Amino acid sequence: MTDPIVSIESLEDKSLLIVDDDKPFQQRLARAMEKRGFSTETADGLQDAVFKISHNAPAFAIVDMRLEDGNGLDVIQQIRARRPDARAIILTGYGNIATAVTAVKMGAIDYLAKPADPDDIIAALARKPEDKAEPPENPMSADRVRWEHIQRVYELCDRNVSETARRLNMHRRTLQRILAKRAPR
């Protein structure tokens, strides 16, 4: 059986772009990744990232899903266009199944919830493409799966509460109460 993790030390190009508009988190993550052998560069948003990618597309990227000036998926798309072999992951504090699927379809190799541990990030970046991630120790509850489904439909309806309620066959006020609550665990 082969080792499911590619050794970072064995790689020639350890360039890493971290795109996150949360400056303290970005800097902590950059320091942690540098300690683990990466040559890091940071970008505060979509425009900054696109500029840096156009000059030197990185081998690895860690991209926040929601940026002040755009969407992290656009960063993934730019990276994949300039460097198809790049390994990029999406980090987000607003996880839902729809955006995870979209991120993977656009070329991200994984999708992690913030705050992610640097070792978990490295494991995701270093995993061989043919190997699957380990199943979660604590899978989502039924309430969480329901909430994720509602969030997915809400996003697909361009965050229109009335249209989402109609498609889910749910009263609009009930949907508003669900959307106002935090995600169940």
Protein backbone atom coordinates (compact mmCIF):
# COMPACT_ATOMS: atom_id res chain seq x y z
CA MET A 1 0.00 0.00 0.00
CA THR A 2 1.35 3.41 -0.94
CA ASP A 3 1.63 6.36 1.40
CA PRO A 4 -1.39 8.62 0.74
CA ILE A 5 0.62 11.76 1.52
CA VAL A 6 3.15 13.30 -0.84
CA SER A 7 6.21 14.46 1.12
CA ILE A 8 6.44 18.25 1.00
CA GLU A 9 10.21 18.03 1.54
CA SER A 10 10.59 16.02 -1.68
CA LEU A 11 8.96 18.69 -3.81
CA GLU A 12 11.09 21.14 -5.78
CA ASP A 13 8.55 23.95 -5.99
CA LYS A 14 7.18 24.83 -2.56
CA SER A 15 5.66 28.16 -3.58
CA LEU A 16 2.43 28.86 -1.71
CA LEU A 17 -0.07 31.69 -2.12
CA ILE A 18 -2.37 32.44 0.82
CA VAL A 19 -5.39 34.55 -0.12
CA ASP A 20 -7.40 35.81 2.83
CA ASP A 21 -8.74 39.24 3.78
CA ASP A 22 -8.49 38.42 7.51
CA LYS A 23 -4.99 39.84 7.94
CA PRO A 24 -4.16 38.36 11.40
CA PHE A 25 -5.28 34.88 10.31
CA GLN A 26 -3.42 35.26 7.01
CA GLN A 27 -0.16 36.21 8.76
CA ARG A 28 -0.42 33.41 11.36
CA LEU A 29 -1.04 30.87 8.63
CA ALA A 30 1.83 32.22 6.52
CA ARG A 31 4.26 31.89 9.46
CA ALA A 32 3.04 28.38 10.22
CA MET A 33 3.44 27.28 6.60
CA GLU A 34 6.90 28.83 6.32
CA LYS A 35 7.97 26.85 9.40
CA ARG A 36 6.80 23.73 7.56
CA GLY A 37 8.99 24.42 4.52
CA PHE A 38 6.83 26.48 2.17
CA SER A 39 7.88 29.69 0.41
CA THR A 40 4.81 31.79 1.11
CA GLU A 41 3.31 34.85 -0.48
CA THR A 42 0.10 36.50 0.67
CA ALA A 43 -2.73 38.36 -1.01
CA ASP A 44 -5.48 40.34 0.71
CA GLY A 45 -8.15 39.87 -1.95
CA LEU A 46 -9.12 38.84 -5.45
CA GLN A 47 -7.37 41.65 -7.33
CA ASP A 48 -4.14 41.27 -5.36
CA ALA A 49 -4.21 37.50 -5.91
CA VAL A 50 -4.86 37.78 -9.65
CA PHE A 51 -1.92 40.20 -9.97
CA LYS A 52 0.42 37.83 -8.09
CA ILE A 53 -0.78 34.77 -10.01
CA SER A 54 -0.21 36.54 -13.34
CA HIS A 55 3.43 37.18 -12.40
CA ASN A 56 4.20 33.86 -10.74
CA ALA A 57 1.57 31.15 -10.44
CA PRO A 58 2.21 29.15 -7.25
CA ALA A 59 2.45 25.38 -6.90
CA PHE A 60 0.08 25.53 -3.90
CA ALA A 61 -2.67 27.88 -2.75
CA ILE A 62 -4.87 28.33 0.29
CA VAL A 63 -7.82 30.53 -0.61
CA ASP A 64 -10.58 31.98 1.54
CA MET A 65 -13.99 31.51 -0.05
CA ARG A 66 -15.36 34.98 0.69
CA LEU A 67 -13.10 37.91 -0.02
CA GLU A 68 -13.96 41.59 0.35
CA ASP A 69 -13.53 42.21 -3.37
CA GLY A 70 -14.70 38.89 -4.79
CA ASN A 71 -15.01 35.17 -4.54
CA GLY A 72 -12.26 32.65 -3.78
CA LEU A 73 -13.52 30.44 -6.59
CA ASP A 74 -12.34 33.11 -9.05
CA VAL A 75 -8.85 32.83 -7.55
CA ILE A 76 -8.91 29.04 -8.00
CA GLN A 77 -9.97 29.51 -11.62
CA GLN A 78 -7.10 31.95 -12.27
CA ILE A 79 -4.55 29.62 -10.69
CA ARG A 80 -5.78 26.60 -12.68
CA ALA A 81 -5.68 28.63 -15.91
CA ARG A 82 -2.04 29.66 -15.36
CA ARG A 83 -0.84 26.45 -13.72
CA PRO A 84 -3.02 23.35 -14.19
CA ASP A 85 -0.88 21.22 -11.85
CA ALA A 86 -1.30 23.64 -8.91
CA ARG A 87 -2.85 22.22 -5.76
CA ALA A 88 -5.31 24.62 -4.15
CA ILE A 89 -7.70 24.33 -1.25
CA ILE A 90 -10.61 26.53 -0.19
CA LEU A 91 -10.96 27.66 3.42
CA THR A 92 -14.20 29.11 4.68
CA GLY A 93 -16.14 29.97 7.76
CA TYR A 94 -19.38 29.72 5.77
CA GLY A 95 -19.29 26.14 4.58
CA ASN A 96 -22.06 24.55 2.64
CA ILE A 97 -22.24 21.58 0.34
CA ALA A 98 -23.03 23.57 -2.82
CA THR A 99 -19.93 25.73 -2.60
CA ALA A 100 -17.77 22.73 -1.69
CA VAL A 101 -18.93 20.90 -4.82
CA THR A 102 -18.41 24.00 -6.96
CA ALA A 103 -14.91 24.53 -5.52
CA VAL A 104 -13.89 20.98 -6.37
CA LYS A 105 -15.38 21.22 -9.87
CA MET A 106 -13.36 24.40 -10.44
CA GLY A 107 -10.12 22.71 -9.47
CA ALA A 108 -9.76 22.93 -5.69
CA ILE A 109 -8.47 19.68 -4.24
CA ASP A 110 -10.16 20.13 -0.87
CA TYR A 111 -12.50 22.35 1.13
CA LEU A 112 -11.79 22.98 4.82
CA ALA A 113 -13.68 24.90 7.48
CA LYS A 114 -11.99 27.82 9.22
CA PRO A 115 -10.09 27.92 11.43
CA ALA A 116 -8.16 25.01 9.95
CA ASP A 117 -5.09 23.56 11.61
CA PRO A 118 -1.88 24.01 9.54
CA ASP A 119 -1.22 20.26 9.74
CA ASP A 120 -4.70 19.53 8.33
CA ILE A 121 -4.01 22.02 5.53
CA ILE A 122 -0.69 20.37 4.70
CA ALA A 123 -2.34 16.94 4.73
CA ALA A 124 -4.95 18.23 2.25
CA LEU A 125 -2.33 19.88 0.03
CA ALA A 126 -0.04 16.85 0.08
CA ARG A 127 -2.65 14.13 -0.45
CA LYS A 128 -2.12 12.26 -3.71
CA PRO A 129 -4.88 13.02 -6.23
CA GLU A 130 -5.97 9.38 -6.47
CA ASP A 131 -6.33 9.00 -2.68
CA LYS A 132 -9.52 9.89 -0.89
CA ALA A 133 -9.66 11.83 2.36
CA GLU A 134 -10.26 9.84 5.52
CA PRO A 135 -13.92 9.66 6.53
CA PRO A 136 -14.78 12.16 9.25
CA GLU A 137 -14.64 11.07 12.87
CA ASN A 138 -17.83 13.01 13.60
CA PRO A 139 -20.07 13.08 10.53
CA MET A 140 -22.73 15.77 10.12
CA SER A 141 -25.93 15.40 12.08
CA ALA A 142 -29.27 15.10 10.27
CA ASP A 143 -30.06 18.66 11.39
CA ARG A 144 -26.80 19.87 9.87
CA VAL A 145 -27.47 18.04 6.58
CA ARG A 146 -30.93 19.68 6.43
CA TRP A 147 -29.39 23.10 7.15
CA GLU A 148 -26.75 22.56 4.43
CA HIS A 149 -29.46 21.64 1.92
CA ILE A 150 -31.43 24.78 2.76
CA GLN A 151 -28.26 26.88 2.39
CA ARG A 152 -27.53 25.27 -0.98
CA VAL A 153 -31.00 26.04 -2.35
CA TYR A 154 -30.79 29.56 -0.88
CA GLU A 155 -27.48 30.18 -2.70
CA LEU A 156 -28.85 28.68 -5.95
CA CYS A 157 -31.80 31.11 -5.69
CA ASP A 158 -29.34 34.04 -5.44
CA ARG A 159 -30.20 34.47 -1.74
CA ASN A 160 -33.85 35.22 -2.52
CA VAL A 161 -35.86 34.13 0.53
CA SER A 162 -39.24 34.04 -1.22
CA GLU A 163 -37.98 31.94 -4.13
CA THR A 164 -36.09 29.60 -1.79
CA ALA A 165 -39.18 29.11 0.39
CA ARG A 166 -41.27 28.35 -2.70
CA ARG A 167 -38.79 25.76 -4.00
CA LEU A 168 -38.47 24.09 -0.58
CA ASN A 169 -42.25 24.12 -0.13
CA MET A 170 -41.73 25.99 3.13
CA HIS A 171 -43.38 29.04 4.66
CA ARG A 172 -41.29 32.17 4.10
CA ARG A 173 -41.23 33.12 7.81
CA THR A 174 -40.10 29.61 8.78
CA LEU A 175 -37.26 29.86 6.29
CA GLN A 176 -36.26 33.29 7.62
CA ARG A 177 -36.06 31.89 11.16
CA ILE A 178 -33.89 28.98 9.95
CA LEU A 179 -31.58 31.32 8.02
CA ALA A 180 -31.21 33.61 11.04
CA LYS A 181 -29.93 30.77 13.23
CA ARG A 182 -26.41 29.45 13.35
CA ALA A 183 -25.62 26.17 11.69
CA PRO A 184 -26.33 23.13 13.87
CA ARG A 185 -23.39 20.88 14.72
